[in-house]
Protein backbone atom coordinates (compact mmCIF):
# COMPACT_ATOMS: atom_id res chain seq x y z
CA UNK A 1 92.59 69.40 95.36
CA UNK A 2 90.03 68.49 92.74
CA UNK A 3 91.12 69.45 89.22
CA UNK A 4 88.40 71.61 87.62
CA UNK A 5 88.34 74.36 84.96
CA UNK A 6 88.67 76.85 87.83
CA UNK A 7 92.31 75.82 88.14
CA UNK A 8 93.05 78.37 85.43
CA UNK A 9 92.11 81.09 87.92
CA UNK A 10 94.75 79.98 90.44
CA UNK A 11 97.85 81.95 91.33
CA UNK A 12 100.85 80.25 89.72
CA UNK A 13 103.68 82.29 91.28
CA UNK A 14 105.49 80.06 93.77
CA UNK A 15 104.28 76.87 92.11
CA UNK A 16 106.68 74.14 90.98
CA UNK A 17 106.50 73.74 87.21
CA UNK A 18 107.89 71.45 84.52
CA UNK A 19 107.63 72.00 80.79
CA UNK A 20 106.28 68.77 79.34
CA UNK A 21 105.79 69.80 75.69
CA UNK A 22 107.05 72.74 73.67
CA UNK A 23 107.71 74.01 70.16
CA UNK A 24 111.31 74.54 71.33
CA UNK A 25 112.99 71.20 72.05
CA UNK A 26 115.69 72.73 74.26
CA UNK A 27 113.25 73.76 77.03
CA UNK A 28 111.36 70.46 77.33
CA UNK A 29 111.97 69.09 80.82
CA UNK A 30 112.95 72.45 82.30
CA UNK A 31 111.86 72.41 85.94
CA UNK A 32 111.70 75.12 88.54
CA UNK A 33 109.62 77.47 90.63
CA UNK A 34 107.59 80.20 88.92
CA UNK A 35 108.86 83.54 90.20
CA UNK A 36 106.99 85.97 87.92
CA UNK A 37 104.14 86.00 85.45
CA UNK A 38 103.29 88.47 82.70
CA UNK A 39 100.61 88.44 80.03
CA UNK A 40 102.58 86.15 77.71
CA UNK A 41 105.41 84.65 79.79
CA UNK A 42 106.30 82.75 82.93
CA UNK A 43 109.66 83.38 84.60
CA UNK A 44 110.95 80.11 86.04
CA UNK A 45 113.85 79.84 88.49
CA UNK A 46 115.90 76.92 87.11
CA UNK A 47 119.34 76.12 88.61
CA UNK A 48 119.63 79.61 90.14
CA UNK A 49 118.92 81.29 86.78
CA UNK A 50 115.65 82.86 85.70
CA UNK A 51 114.33 81.53 82.38
CA UNK A 52 111.46 83.28 80.59
CA UNK A 53 109.10 80.86 78.88
CA UNK A 54 106.45 81.96 76.40
CA UNK A 55 103.11 80.56 77.60
CA UNK A 56 101.68 80.01 74.13
CA UNK A 57 104.54 77.74 73.04
CA UNK A 58 104.53 75.21 75.88
CA UNK A 59 102.49 72.79 77.96
CA UNK A 60 103.16 73.11 81.68
CA UNK A 61 102.90 70.51 84.43
CA UNK A 62 102.21 72.24 87.74
CA UNK A 63 102.66 70.68 91.17
CA UNK A 64 100.60 72.59 93.71
CA UNK A 65 101.37 72.85 97.43
CA UNK A 66 98.65 70.34 98.35
CA UNK A 67 100.32 67.72 96.11
CA UNK A 68 97.92 67.98 93.16
CA UNK A 69 99.49 67.79 89.72
CA UNK A 70 97.86 69.35 86.64
CA UNK A 71 99.07 69.61 83.07
CA UNK A 72 97.80 72.74 81.30
CA UNK A 73 98.34 73.91 77.74
CA UNK A 74 99.95 77.35 77.81
CA UNK A 75 97.51 78.94 75.36
CA UNK A 76 94.82 78.62 78.07
CA UNK A 77 97.00 80.70 80.41
CA UNK A 78 97.72 83.61 78.05
CA UNK A 79 96.53 86.88 79.52
CA UNK A 80 97.24 89.07 82.50
CA UNK A 81 96.97 87.13 85.77
CA UNK A 82 94.40 89.57 87.14
CA UNK A 83 92.26 89.29 83.99
CA UNK A 84 92.19 85.48 84.19
CA UNK A 85 90.06 85.83 87.32
CA UNK A 86 87.38 87.69 85.37
CA UNK A 87 87.39 85.40 82.34
CA UNK A 88 84.50 82.98 81.94
CA UNK A 89 85.86 79.48 81.38
CA UNK A 90 84.18 76.92 79.20
CA UNK A 91 84.25 73.34 80.31
CA UNK A 92 87.43 71.78 78.91
CA UNK A 93 86.56 68.11 79.39
């Protein structure tokens, strides 16, 4: 998969995720599968427990099913999943 700004419109539920940076030091390195997404949080299944992570306070590294890896700042992901599809995305790089 080619990494483009359209990656922000992808469905993240079911994707493997790692928290690479965060304002909260205790969640850095937390790894698991995303099981739910709300406007401001991701719910990640980590060691058979569901952890809720605030999107705005973390940078996420996603590993997609085709093997592509992308690191995305959480503030770009804030918003309802269905509204992200409608949002116009400026070029990030």
